[in-house]
C-alpha atoms as a PDB file:
ATOM      1  CA  MET A   1     -55.421  34.348  78.099  1.00  0.00           C
ATOM      2  CA  ASP A   2     -53.663  31.448  79.611  1.00  0.00           C
ATOM      3  CA  SER A   3     -51.072  31.750  81.594  1.00  0.00           C
ATOM      4  CA  ASP A   4     -48.491  30.548  79.083  1.00  0.00           C
ATOM      5  CA  SER A   5     -49.482  33.806  77.322  1.00  0.00           C
ATOM      6  CA  HIS A   6     -49.316  35.989  80.355  1.00  0.00           C
ATOM      7  CA  SER A   7     -45.648  34.604  81.262  1.00  0.00           C
ATOM      8  CA  PHE A   8     -44.592  35.192  77.494  1.00  0.00           C
ATOM      9  CA  VAL A   9     -46.138  38.624  77.388  1.00  0.00           C
ATOM     10  CA  PHE A  10     -44.217  39.289  80.870  1.00  0.00           C
ATOM     11  CA  ILE A  11     -41.241  38.444  79.709  1.00  0.00           C
ATOM     12  CA  ALA A  12     -41.476  40.096  76.199  1.00  0.00           C
ATOM     13  CA  GLY A  13     -42.148  43.630  78.847  1.00  0.00           C
ATOM     14  CA  VAL A  14     -39.295  42.854  80.790  1.00  0.00           C
ATOM     15  CA  VAL A  15     -36.830  42.698  77.556  1.00  0.00           C
ATOM     16  CA  ILE A  16     -38.427  45.936  76.210  1.00  0.00           C
ATOM     17  CA  ILE A  17     -38.301  47.605  79.011  1.00  0.00           C
ATOM     18  CA  ARG A  18     -34.357  46.876  79.650  1.00  0.00           C
ATOM     19  CA  ARG A  19     -33.462  47.535  76.345  1.00  0.00           C
ATOM     20  CA  PHE A  20     -34.789  51.379  76.518  1.00  0.00           C
ATOM     21  CA  LEU A  21     -33.363  51.524  80.126  1.00  0.00           C
ATOM     22  CA  ALA A  22     -30.232  50.687  78.962  1.00  0.00           C
ATOM     23  CA  LYS A  23     -30.179  53.176  76.354  1.00  0.00           C
ATOM     24  CA  GLU A  24     -31.821  56.326  78.154  1.00  0.00           C
ATOM     25  CA  ARG A  25     -29.353  55.642  80.971  1.00  0.00           C
ATOM     26  CA  LYS A  26     -26.979  53.545  79.831  1.00  0.00           C
ATOM     27  CA  ILE A  27     -26.398  50.093  81.977  1.00  0.00           C
ATOM     28  CA  MET A  28     -22.880  50.498  83.212  1.00  0.00           C
ATOM     29  CA  ILE A  29     -20.579  46.970  84.282  1.00  0.00           C
ATOM     30  CA  THR A  30     -17.224  47.023  85.743  1.00  0.00           C
ATOM     31  CA  VAL A  31     -14.711  44.696  84.894  1.00  0.00           C
ATOM     32  CA  LYS A  32     -11.135  44.277  86.755  1.00  0.00           C
ATOM     33  CA  VAL A  33      -8.084  44.471  84.892  1.00  0.00           C
ATOM     34  CA  LYS A  34      -4.868  43.052  85.959  1.00  0.00           C
ATOM     35  CA  LEU A  35      -1.613  44.841  84.768  1.00  0.00           C
ATOM     36  CA  ASN A  36       1.429  43.302  84.006  1.00  0.00           C
ATOM     37  CA  ALA A  37       4.450  45.071  85.316  1.00  0.00           C
ATOM     38  CA  ALA A  38       5.211  47.760  82.188  1.00  0.00           C
ATOM     39  CA  LEU A  39       1.594  48.785  82.693  1.00  0.00           C
ATOM     40  CA  GLY A  40       1.167  48.537  86.321  1.00  0.00           C
ATOM     41  CA  GLN A  41       4.368  50.400  86.679  1.00  0.00           C
ATOM     42  CA  GLU A  42       3.211  52.963  84.045  1.00  0.00           C
ATOM     43  CA  ILE A  43      -0.040  53.505  86.113  1.00  0.00           C
ATOM     44  CA  GLY A  44       1.148  53.404  89.856  1.00  0.00           C
ATOM     45  CA  GLN A  45      -1.051  49.902  90.714  1.00  0.00           C
ATOM     46  CA  THR A  46      -1.103  46.416  89.639  1.00  0.00           C
ATOM     47  CA  VAL A  47      -5.015  46.147  89.695  1.00  0.00           C
ATOM     48  CA  ILE A  48      -7.808  48.560  88.494  1.00  0.00           C
ATOM     49  CA  GLU A  49     -11.409  48.409  88.094  1.00  0.00           C
ATOM     50  CA  VAL A  50     -13.089  50.403  85.193  1.00  0.00           C
ATOM     51  CA  SER A  51     -16.687  50.956  84.145  1.00  0.00           C
ATOM     52  CA  LEU A  52     -17.699  50.430  80.753  1.00  0.00           C
ATOM     53  CA  PRO A  53     -21.532  50.822  79.296  1.00  0.00           C
ATOM     54  CA  GLU A  54     -22.979  47.248  78.988  1.00  0.00           C
ATOM     55  CA  ASN A  55     -22.222  45.570  75.933  1.00  0.00           C
ATOM     56  CA  SER A  56     -18.616  46.784  75.864  1.00  0.00           C
ATOM     57  CA  SER A  57     -15.672  44.856  73.933  1.00  0.00           C
ATOM     58  CA  ILE A  58     -11.858  43.939  75.121  1.00  0.00           C
ATOM     59  CA  MET A  59     -11.524  46.541  72.425  1.00  0.00           C
ATOM     60  CA  ASP A  60     -13.785  49.104  73.961  1.00  0.00           C
ATOM     61  CA  LEU A  61     -11.687  48.655  77.952  1.00  0.00           C
ATOM     62  CA  VAL A  62      -8.665  49.346  76.258  1.00  0.00           C
ATOM     63  CA  HIS A  63      -9.792  52.539  74.231  1.00  0.00           C
ATOM     64  CA  GLU A  64     -11.449  53.489  77.737  1.00  0.00           C
ATOM     65  CA  ILE A  65      -7.993  52.917  79.904  1.00  0.00           C
ATOM     66  CA  SER A  66      -5.819  55.156  77.334  1.00  0.00           C
ATOM     67  CA  ARG A  67      -8.407  57.522  77.676  1.00  0.00           C
ATOM     68  CA  LEU A  68      -8.080  57.225  81.756  1.00  0.00           C
ATOM     69  CA  TYR A  69      -4.166  57.167  81.908  1.00  0.00           C
ATOM     70  CA  GLY A  70      -3.305  58.661  78.430  1.00  0.00           C
ATOM     71  CA  ASP A  71       0.019  58.846  75.632  1.00  0.00           C
ATOM     72  CA  ARG A  72       2.317  56.869  77.977  1.00  0.00           C
ATOM     73  CA  VAL A  73      -0.176  53.917  78.103  1.00  0.00           C
ATOM     74  CA  ASP A  74      -1.350  54.278  74.502  1.00  0.00           C
ATOM     75  CA  LYS A  75       3.321  53.574  73.483  1.00  0.00           C
ATOM     76  CA  ILE A  76       2.394  50.274  75.803  1.00  0.00           C
ATOM     77  CA  LEU A  77      -0.669  49.154  74.503  1.00  0.00           C
ATOM     78  CA  PHE A  78      -0.397  49.851  71.039  1.00  0.00           C
ATOM     79  CA  ASP A  79       1.894  48.775  68.284  1.00  0.00           C
ATOM     80  CA  SER A  80       3.543  52.110  66.574  1.00  0.00           C
ATOM     81  CA  LYS A  81       1.246  52.978  64.464  1.00  0.00           C
ATOM     82  CA  ARG A  82      -1.564  52.291  67.173  1.00  0.00           C
ATOM     83  CA  ARG A  83      -3.522  49.746  64.663  1.00  0.00           C
ATOM     84  CA  SER A  84      -3.337  46.219  66.803  1.00  0.00           C
ATOM     85  CA  LEU A  85      -2.485  45.618  70.435  1.00  0.00           C
ATOM     86  CA  LYS A  86       0.774  44.650  71.605  1.00  0.00           C
ATOM     87  CA  PHE A  87      -0.575  42.248  74.115  1.00  0.00           C
ATOM     88  CA  VAL A  88      -3.044  38.603  74.152  1.00  0.00           C
ATOM     89  CA  SER A  89      -6.537  39.497  75.941  1.00  0.00           C
ATOM     90  CA  PHE A  90      -7.558  36.917  78.415  1.00  0.00           C
ATOM     91  CA  VAL A  91     -10.649  37.293  80.265  1.00  0.00           C
ATOM     92  CA  ASN A  92     -11.401  35.276  83.445  1.00  0.00           C
ATOM     93  CA  HIS A  93      -8.590  33.290  82.290  1.00  0.00           C
ATOM     94  CA  SER A  94      -9.622  32.289  79.062  1.00  0.00           C
ATOM     95  CA  ARG A  95      -7.843  33.725  75.932  1.00  0.00           C
ATOM     96  CA  ARG A  96      -9.937  36.133  74.022  1.00  0.00           C
ATOM     97  CA  LEU A  97     -10.198  38.385  70.740  1.00  0.00           C
ATOM     98  CA  THR A  98     -10.828  42.058  70.902  1.00  0.00           C
ATOM     99  CA  ASP A  99     -13.964  41.868  70.286  1.00  0.00           C
ATOM    100  CA  GLN A 100     -15.119  39.959  73.072  1.00  0.00           C
ATOM    101  CA  ILE A 101     -18.193  41.285  74.871  1.00  0.00           C
ATOM    102  CA  LEU A 102     -17.234  41.697  78.965  1.00  0.00           C
ATOM    103  CA  ASN A 103     -19.573  40.858  81.083  1.00  0.00           C
ATOM    104  CA  ASP A 104     -19.645  42.616  84.860  1.00  0.00           C
ATOM    105  CA  GLY A 105     -17.364  40.965  87.088  1.00  0.00           C
ATOM    106  CA  ASP A 106     -15.027  40.005  84.274  1.00  0.00           C
ATOM    107  CA  GLN A 107     -11.312  39.882  85.308  1.00  0.00           C
ATOM    108  CA  VAL A 108      -9.321  40.815  82.220  1.00  0.00           C
ATOM    109  CA  ARG A 109      -5.580  40.197  81.557  1.00  0.00           C
ATOM    110  CA  PHE A 110      -3.275  41.760  79.078  1.00  0.00           C
ATOM    111  CA  LEU A 111      -0.047  39.447  78.289  1.00  0.00           C
ATOM    112  CA  LEU A 112       2.658  39.782  75.853  1.00  0.00           C
ATOM    113  CA  PRO A 113       2.474  37.226  73.319  1.00  0.00           C
ATOM    114  CA  THR A 114       5.612  34.279  73.840  1.00  0.00           C
ATOM    115  CA  GLY A 115       6.731  33.119  71.069  1.00  0.00           C
ATOM    116  CA  GLY A 116       8.598  29.310  70.755  1.00  0.00           C
ATOM    117  CA  GLY A 117      10.835  27.825  68.613  1.00  0.00           C
END
Protein backbone atom coordinates (compact mmCIF):
# COMPACT_ATOMS: atom_id res chain seq x y z
CA MET A 1 0.00 0.00 0.00
CA ASP A 2 1.32 3.46 -0.85
CA SER A 3 1.10 6.44 1.53
CA ASP A 4 -1.99 7.88 -0.20
CA SER A 5 -3.86 4.61 0.38
CA HIS A 6 -2.82 4.61 4.03
CA SER A 7 -4.09 8.18 4.41
CA PHE A 8 -7.44 7.29 2.87
CA VAL A 9 -7.87 4.23 5.08
CA PHE A 10 -6.97 6.27 8.18
CA ILE A 11 -9.43 9.09 7.33
CA ALA A 12 -12.21 6.61 6.50
CA GLY A 13 -11.55 4.83 9.80
CA VAL A 14 -11.76 8.10 11.75
CA VAL A 15 -15.08 8.98 10.10
CA ILE A 16 -16.54 5.53 10.89
CA ILE A 17 -15.38 5.71 14.51
CA ARG A 18 -16.77 9.25 14.96
CA ARG A 19 -20.18 8.21 13.58
CA PHE A 20 -20.23 5.17 15.85
CA LEU A 21 -19.35 7.26 18.91
CA ALA A 22 -21.97 9.87 18.01
CA LYS A 23 -24.66 7.18 17.96
CA GLU A 24 -23.42 5.46 21.10
CA ARG A 25 -22.89 8.41 23.38
CA LYS A 26 -24.66 11.24 21.58
CA ILE A 27 -22.14 13.94 20.89
CA MET A 28 -23.58 17.16 22.29
CA ILE A 29 -23.27 20.75 21.18
CA THR A 30 -23.96 23.91 23.15
CA VAL A 31 -25.57 26.98 21.62
CA LYS A 32 -26.07 30.41 23.15
CA VAL A 33 -29.57 31.85 22.80
CA LYS A 34 -30.08 35.60 23.16
CA LEU A 35 -33.65 36.14 24.28
CA ASN A 36 -35.94 38.97 23.25
CA ALA A 37 -37.78 41.00 25.90
CA ALA A 38 -40.84 38.73 26.23
CA LEU A 39 -38.86 35.48 26.46
CA GLY A 40 -36.21 37.00 28.69
CA GLN A 41 -38.82 38.31 31.09
CA GLU A 42 -40.62 34.95 31.23
CA ILE A 43 -37.43 32.94 31.73
CA GLY A 44 -35.73 35.53 33.93
CA GLN A 45 -32.55 35.74 31.85
CA THR A 46 -31.46 37.54 28.70
CA VAL A 47 -29.06 34.81 27.53
CA ILE A 48 -29.26 31.05 28.02
CA GLU A 49 -27.03 28.19 26.92
CA VAL A 50 -28.75 25.04 25.68
CA SER A 51 -27.16 21.63 25.08
CA LEU A 52 -28.45 19.60 22.15
CA PRO A 53 -27.43 16.43 20.33
CA GLU A 54 -25.15 17.01 17.36
CA ASN A 55 -27.05 17.64 14.08
CA SER A 56 -29.94 19.38 15.87
CA SER A 57 -31.91 22.02 14.01
CA ILE A 58 -33.29 25.38 15.12
CA MET A 59 -36.69 23.70 15.59
CA ASP A 60 -35.04 21.09 17.82
CA LEU A 61 -33.65 23.99 19.86
CA VAL A 62 -37.11 25.56 20.12
CA HIS A 63 -38.58 22.28 21.35
CA GLU A 64 -35.79 21.92 23.91
CA ILE A 65 -36.39 25.47 25.20
CA SER A 66 -40.08 24.64 25.43
CA ARG A 67 -39.30 21.42 27.32
CA LEU A 68 -36.96 23.22 29.73
CA TYR A 69 -39.21 26.22 30.46
CA GLY A 70 -42.72 24.87 29.94
CA ASP A 71 -46.07 26.01 28.59
CA ARG A 72 -45.59 29.67 29.45
CA VAL A 73 -42.76 29.82 26.89
CA ASP A 74 -44.80 27.86 24.33
CA LYS A 75 -47.37 30.66 24.28
CA ILE A 76 -44.65 33.17 23.45
CA LEU A 77 -42.83 31.04 20.86
CA PHE A 78 -45.67 29.43 18.89
CA ASP A 79 -48.91 30.51 17.23
CA SER A 80 -52.16 29.50 18.96
CA LYS A 81 -52.33 26.11 17.21
CA ARG A 82 -48.61 25.41 17.86
CA ARG A 83 -47.97 24.94 14.15
CA SER A 84 -45.42 27.66 13.50
CA LEU A 85 -43.06 29.98 15.28
CA LYS A 86 -44.03 33.58 15.86
CA PHE A 87 -40.37 34.55 15.47
CA VAL A 88 -37.75 34.83 12.76
CA SER A 89 -34.60 32.83 13.53
CA PHE A 90 -31.05 34.18 13.27
CA VAL A 91 -27.88 32.13 13.67
CA ASN A 92 -24.63 34.05 14.03
CA HIS A 93 -26.40 37.23 12.82
CA SER A 94 -27.80 35.65 9.62
CA ARG A 95 -31.46 34.83 9.08
CA ARG A 96 -32.06 31.07 8.93
CA LEU A 97 -34.97 28.69 8.43
CA THR A 98 -35.99 26.40 11.28
CA ASP A 99 -34.46 23.33 9.58
CA GLN A 100 -30.99 24.89 9.78
CA ILE A 101 -28.53 22.52 11.50
CA LEU A 102 -26.76 24.12 14.45
CA ASN A 103 -23.08 23.85 15.31
CA ASP A 104 -21.33 23.94 18.64
CA GLY A 105 -20.89 27.55 19.77
CA ASP A 106 -23.55 29.06 17.49
CA GLN A 107 -25.40 32.13 18.71
CA VAL A 108 -29.14 32.02 18.08
CA ARG A 109 -31.66 34.82 18.32
CA PHE A 110 -35.43 34.87 17.81
CA LEU A 111 -36.88 38.19 16.69
CA LEU A 112 -40.44 39.20 15.89
CA PRO A 113 -40.89 39.79 12.17
CA THR A 114 -41.45 43.41 11.24
CA GLY A 115 -43.83 44.61 8.59
CA GLY A 116 -43.35 47.56 6.35
CA GLY A 117 -45.48 49.66 4.21
